[in-house]
Amino acid sequence: MDKRIRWESGVDFLKQQPRASGDHPWSFDPELPVALRFVSAKSRVEVPLLRHDYFEVCFLDAGRVVKQVQDRFLKMNEGDLFVVGSGAFHRISEFRRPYAREILLYFLPEVLRSDATGGEYSEYLMPFLCQDAGFPHVISSKSGIPEKVRELMMGIRVHLPPQSARAHLYVKTCLKMILALLGDYYQSYPSTKGVFVSRQQNIDRLKPLFQLMDSRYGERITVDDAARHLHMSRSHFMRFFRKITGETFVTYLNRFRTAKAQVLLASTDKSIVEVAQEAGFCDQSYFSRVFYRFAQVTPRDYQRKIRSRQSSSSTR
């Protein structure tokens, strides 16, 4: 079996239909909800804010980046580890070298339920359930933990997808060893499951607004409209939204609209003007400025690149 690492492009997420909620779903094997990804991204790529229901451990295999979690910005150097639970908005906000490579481990907590007692189950998952506003998401390579986790990740890689009961057991064992290492590292951190519950409640409170944005992103949506939709005062809404997502509502909406525009430019023959209007930008000049801010390329150049790539693909 060929087990050489194939690094996937970090821009593949642009092919997915963006959601206002930032949800990043993953199709797990229901028998073993554990997955590994090997992702390479370049500095010219604007990474959107994402959140997901699964748990994630990320090893920075190459590069130097700044990770954004909610409204915090955390530096990562090559060899560091990043740990994030479900619900938290996060992304690479800055590349400090031209490119970065990440080894991403995704898993659902259900993978542990069948063979862990209630106490063990909670202990394994505690580093992911106690992530409050001050949680140290980044584990430095100097601690020695990241390299051990990477070795276990590579062990998991060899046995995915599992072809036998033994391979299935090996993957779960490696995952448990990773969680044990993380548990030892974070054992002194004050933990509380209430943090996890509170974050989920905050996300749920924003869901009606995300649904509004998904269905009406092409229409005018002001800060006042958003605040009224959630039955909040303008000032309380602005503070609440930034605390949960790490961005102002206007920035978040413009980022989402830009992602929608990228899909339209890549999948339709519509003109720049038509795309701008359909994505919710009444002024084409403003659309171009916003698009360039998030995509690091003009709408026209983006469209040309996509069409050139599609043309070369069709002639192969």
Foldseek 3Di string as FASTA:
>chain_A
DDLDDDADEPCVCLLPQDFLLQEDDDDADVLFFKDKHKYKYFQLAFKAWHFYQWWKKKAWQDFWFWKDWQQDTHTDHHGKMFTEAGLITMDGHGTPDGMTIMMMMIGHLVNCVVPDDPVRSCLLCQLHQFDAPPRPRMDHVVVVLSVLLVVLSVQLSVQPPPPDPVSSVSNVVSSSVNSVSVSVVCVPPDGDNVRVVVSVVLSVLCVQVSVCCVVPQLEDADLCNSCVSSVHDSVVSQVSVSNRNSDGPVLSSLLSLLSQLLNCLLPHPDDLCVSCNRSHHNDSVVNQVSNCVRNVDGSVVSSVVNVVVVVVVVVD
